[in-house]
């Protein structure tokens, strides 16, 4: 179960917000017991890029054996 303040990973690109599959965000609100999630995405410098509502299929928990990767926000795949 994904809870508020959990870090999650995008499972697909969200081009409208310059977000790419694999980006890490923080759940700031859980809608209707997990029917949707409000997720905030920030730069490594702390600037918010987007706060958006996502369906459960669009995010997943971070795995124990994963490593973060940095990218510029203008490099979203088409």
N, C-alpha and C. Protein backbone atom coordinates (compact mmCIF):
# COMPACT_ATOMS: atom_id res chain seq x y z
N UNK A 1 0.85 -1.20 0.00
CA UNK A 1 0.00 0.00 0.00
C UNK A 1 0.89 1.25 0.00
N UNK A 2 0.54 2.17 -0.82
CA UNK A 2 1.25 3.44 -0.90
C UNK A 2 0.56 4.43 0.03
N UNK A 3 1.37 5.10 0.86
CA UNK A 3 0.85 6.04 1.84
C UNK A 3 1.38 7.44 1.59
N UNK A 4 0.77 8.43 2.25
CA UNK A 4 1.27 9.80 2.17
C UNK A 4 2.71 9.86 2.63
N UNK A 5 3.50 10.66 1.95
CA UNK A 5 4.93 10.89 2.18
C UNK A 5 5.82 9.76 1.68
N UNK A 6 5.24 8.72 1.06
CA UNK A 6 6.06 7.69 0.42
C UNK A 6 6.68 8.25 -0.86
N UNK A 7 7.91 7.85 -1.14
CA UNK A 7 8.53 8.14 -2.42
C UNK A 7 8.10 7.08 -3.41
N UNK A 8 7.74 7.52 -4.62
CA UNK A 8 7.25 6.60 -5.65
C UNK A 8 7.95 6.89 -6.97
N UNK A 9 7.86 5.94 -7.89
CA UNK A 9 8.48 6.04 -9.21
C UNK A 9 7.38 6.06 -10.28
N UNK A 10 7.51 6.95 -11.24
CA UNK A 10 6.58 6.97 -12.38
C UNK A 10 6.79 5.74 -13.25
N UNK A 11 5.70 5.17 -13.73
CA UNK A 11 5.78 4.02 -14.62
C UNK A 11 5.56 4.40 -16.08
N UNK A 12 5.29 5.68 -16.34
CA UNK A 12 5.10 6.17 -17.71
C UNK A 12 5.45 7.65 -17.78
N UNK A 13 5.73 8.13 -18.99
CA UNK A 13 6.00 9.55 -19.20
C UNK A 13 4.72 10.36 -19.00
N UNK A 14 4.88 11.57 -18.48
CA UNK A 14 3.79 12.55 -18.38
C UNK A 14 4.33 13.83 -19.03
N UNK A 15 4.33 13.89 -20.38
CA UNK A 15 4.95 15.00 -21.10
C UNK A 15 4.40 16.38 -20.76
N UNK A 16 3.12 16.48 -20.41
CA UNK A 16 2.53 17.79 -20.08
C UNK A 16 3.24 18.45 -18.91
N UNK A 17 3.87 17.65 -18.05
CA UNK A 17 4.57 18.18 -16.88
C UNK A 17 6.09 17.97 -16.97
N UNK A 18 6.58 17.56 -18.14
CA UNK A 18 8.00 17.27 -18.35
C UNK A 18 8.50 16.16 -17.42
N UNK A 19 7.63 15.20 -17.13
CA UNK A 19 7.99 14.07 -16.27
C UNK A 19 8.22 12.84 -17.14
N UNK A 20 9.19 12.02 -16.74
CA UNK A 20 9.55 10.83 -17.51
C UNK A 20 9.45 9.59 -16.65
N UNK A 21 9.17 8.48 -17.31
CA UNK A 21 9.17 7.18 -16.63
C UNK A 21 10.46 7.05 -15.83
N UNK A 22 10.34 6.65 -14.57
CA UNK A 22 11.50 6.52 -13.71
C UNK A 22 11.72 7.69 -12.77
N UNK A 23 11.05 8.83 -13.03
CA UNK A 23 11.18 9.97 -12.13
C UNK A 23 10.60 9.62 -10.76
N UNK A 24 11.21 10.20 -9.73
CA UNK A 24 10.80 9.92 -8.35
C UNK A 24 10.03 11.11 -7.81
N UNK A 25 8.88 10.83 -7.19
CA UNK A 25 8.06 11.87 -6.57
C UNK A 25 7.65 11.45 -5.17
N UNK A 26 7.00 12.37 -4.47
CA UNK A 26 6.52 12.12 -3.12
C UNK A 26 5.00 12.22 -3.09
N UNK A 27 4.35 11.23 -2.53
CA UNK A 27 2.90 11.23 -2.39
C UNK A 27 2.53 12.25 -1.31
N UNK A 28 1.71 13.23 -1.69
CA UNK A 28 1.28 14.24 -0.73
C UNK A 28 -0.17 14.06 -0.31
N UNK A 29 -0.92 13.23 -1.04
CA UNK A 29 -2.31 12.96 -0.68
C UNK A 29 -2.75 11.65 -1.33
N UNK A 30 -3.45 10.83 -0.57
CA UNK A 30 -4.02 9.58 -1.08
C UNK A 30 -5.52 9.80 -1.25
N UNK A 31 -6.04 9.55 -2.44
CA UNK A 31 -7.46 9.72 -2.73
C UNK A 31 -8.20 8.40 -2.58
N UNK A 32 -9.31 8.40 -1.86
CA UNK A 32 -10.23 7.26 -1.77
C UNK A 32 -9.52 5.93 -1.55
N UNK A 33 -8.72 5.85 -0.50
CA UNK A 33 -8.04 4.60 -0.13
C UNK A 33 -7.19 4.01 -1.25
N UNK A 34 -6.53 4.87 -2.03
CA UNK A 34 -5.62 4.39 -3.05
C UNK A 34 -6.17 4.35 -4.45
N UNK A 35 -7.33 4.96 -4.70
CA UNK A 35 -7.85 5.03 -6.08
C UNK A 35 -7.07 6.03 -6.92
N UNK A 36 -6.38 6.95 -6.25
CA UNK A 36 -5.55 7.93 -6.92
C UNK A 36 -4.60 8.54 -5.91
N UNK A 37 -3.57 9.22 -6.44
CA UNK A 37 -2.54 9.81 -5.58
C UNK A 37 -2.15 11.18 -6.10
N UNK A 38 -2.05 12.14 -5.21
CA UNK A 38 -1.49 13.44 -5.54
C UNK A 38 0.01 13.32 -5.27
N UNK A 39 0.83 13.54 -6.31
CA UNK A 39 2.27 13.32 -6.20
C UNK A 39 3.01 14.60 -6.59
N UNK A 40 3.99 14.97 -5.76
CA UNK A 40 4.82 16.14 -6.03
C UNK A 40 6.17 15.68 -6.56
N UNK A 41 6.62 16.35 -7.62
CA UNK A 41 7.92 16.09 -8.22
C UNK A 41 8.76 17.35 -8.10
N UNK A 42 9.97 17.21 -7.58
CA UNK A 42 10.85 18.37 -7.38
C UNK A 42 12.20 18.12 -8.02
N UNK A 43 12.90 19.23 -8.36
CA UNK A 43 14.26 19.12 -8.86
C UNK A 43 15.18 18.78 -7.68
N UNK A 44 16.40 18.40 -7.97
CA UNK A 44 17.36 18.12 -6.91
C UNK A 44 17.70 19.39 -6.13
N UNK A 45 17.43 20.55 -6.72
CA UNK A 45 17.63 21.82 -6.03
C UNK A 45 16.46 22.24 -5.16
N UNK A 46 15.37 21.45 -5.19
CA UNK A 46 14.23 21.71 -4.32
C UNK A 46 13.08 22.47 -4.95
N UNK A 47 13.17 22.79 -6.25
CA UNK A 47 12.07 23.49 -6.92
C UNK A 47 11.00 22.50 -7.38
N UNK A 48 9.75 22.80 -7.09
CA UNK A 48 8.66 21.94 -7.53
C UNK A 48 8.47 22.06 -9.03
N UNK A 49 8.44 20.92 -9.72
CA UNK A 49 8.16 20.87 -11.15
C UNK A 49 6.67 20.67 -11.38
N UNK A 50 6.08 19.76 -10.60
CA UNK A 50 4.67 19.44 -10.80
C UNK A 50 4.09 18.82 -9.54
N UNK A 51 2.81 19.08 -9.34
CA UNK A 51 2.00 18.35 -8.38
C UNK A 51 0.81 17.88 -9.19
N UNK A 52 0.65 16.58 -9.33
CA UNK A 52 -0.38 16.05 -10.21
C UNK A 52 -1.04 14.82 -9.61
N UNK A 53 -2.27 14.58 -10.02
CA UNK A 53 -3.01 13.40 -9.57
C UNK A 53 -2.73 12.25 -10.53
N UNK A 54 -2.37 11.10 -9.98
CA UNK A 54 -2.03 9.94 -10.79
C UNK A 54 -2.82 8.72 -10.34
N UNK A 55 -3.07 7.81 -11.28
CA UNK A 55 -3.70 6.54 -10.98
C UNK A 55 -2.66 5.56 -10.45
N UNK A 56 -3.09 4.53 -9.72
CA UNK A 56 -2.14 3.55 -9.18
C UNK A 56 -1.25 2.90 -10.24
N UNK A 57 -1.74 2.72 -11.45
CA UNK A 57 -0.92 2.10 -12.51
C UNK A 57 0.18 3.02 -13.01
N UNK A 58 0.12 4.30 -12.66
CA UNK A 58 1.11 5.26 -13.13
C UNK A 58 2.29 5.41 -12.18
N UNK A 59 2.22 4.80 -11.00
CA UNK A 59 3.31 4.89 -10.03
C UNK A 59 3.55 3.52 -9.40
N UNK A 60 4.73 3.39 -8.79
CA UNK A 60 5.05 2.18 -8.04
C UNK A 60 6.01 2.56 -6.92
N UNK A 61 6.13 1.68 -5.94
CA UNK A 61 7.06 1.89 -4.85
C UNK A 61 8.49 1.75 -5.37
N UNK A 62 9.44 2.37 -4.70
CA UNK A 62 10.85 2.24 -5.03
C UNK A 62 11.35 0.90 -4.51
N UNK A 63 12.08 0.17 -5.34
CA UNK A 63 12.64 -1.12 -4.94
C UNK A 63 13.90 -0.95 -4.11
N UNK A 64 14.16 -1.90 -3.24
CA UNK A 64 15.33 -1.86 -2.35
C UNK A 64 16.66 -1.86 -3.11
N UNK A 65 16.70 -2.45 -4.28
CA UNK A 65 17.95 -2.57 -5.04
C UNK A 65 17.99 -1.64 -6.25
N UNK A 66 17.35 -0.46 -6.14
CA UNK A 66 17.36 0.53 -7.22
C UNK A 66 18.25 1.70 -6.82
N UNK A 67 18.74 2.42 -7.83
CA UNK A 67 19.56 3.59 -7.62
C UNK A 67 18.96 4.76 -8.38
N UNK A 68 19.02 5.96 -7.81
CA UNK A 68 18.48 7.15 -8.47
C UNK A 68 19.39 7.58 -9.60
N UNK A 69 18.81 8.27 -10.58
CA UNK A 69 19.54 8.77 -11.75
C UNK A 69 19.10 10.20 -12.00
N UNK A 70 20.03 11.10 -12.29
CA UNK A 70 19.69 12.50 -12.55
C UNK A 70 19.56 12.77 -14.04
N UNK A 71 18.63 13.68 -14.41
CA UNK A 71 18.45 14.11 -15.79
C UNK A 71 17.94 15.54 -15.78
N UNK A 72 18.15 16.24 -16.88
CA UNK A 72 17.58 17.57 -17.02
C UNK A 72 16.10 17.47 -17.30
N UNK A 73 15.31 18.44 -16.86
CA UNK A 73 13.86 18.35 -17.06
C UNK A 73 13.43 18.61 -18.49
N UNK A 74 14.35 19.02 -19.34
CA UNK A 74 14.00 19.25 -20.75
C UNK A 74 14.31 18.04 -21.62
N UNK A 75 14.55 16.87 -21.00
CA UNK A 75 14.95 15.68 -21.76
C UNK A 75 13.91 14.58 -21.72
N UNK A 76 12.63 14.91 -21.64
CA UNK A 76 11.57 13.91 -21.59
C UNK A 76 11.44 13.26 -22.97
N UNK A 77 11.33 11.94 -22.98
CA UNK A 77 11.15 11.19 -24.23
C UNK A 77 9.81 11.55 -24.86
N UNK A 78 9.77 11.55 -26.17
CA UNK A 78 8.52 11.87 -26.89
C UNK A 78 7.63 10.66 -26.96
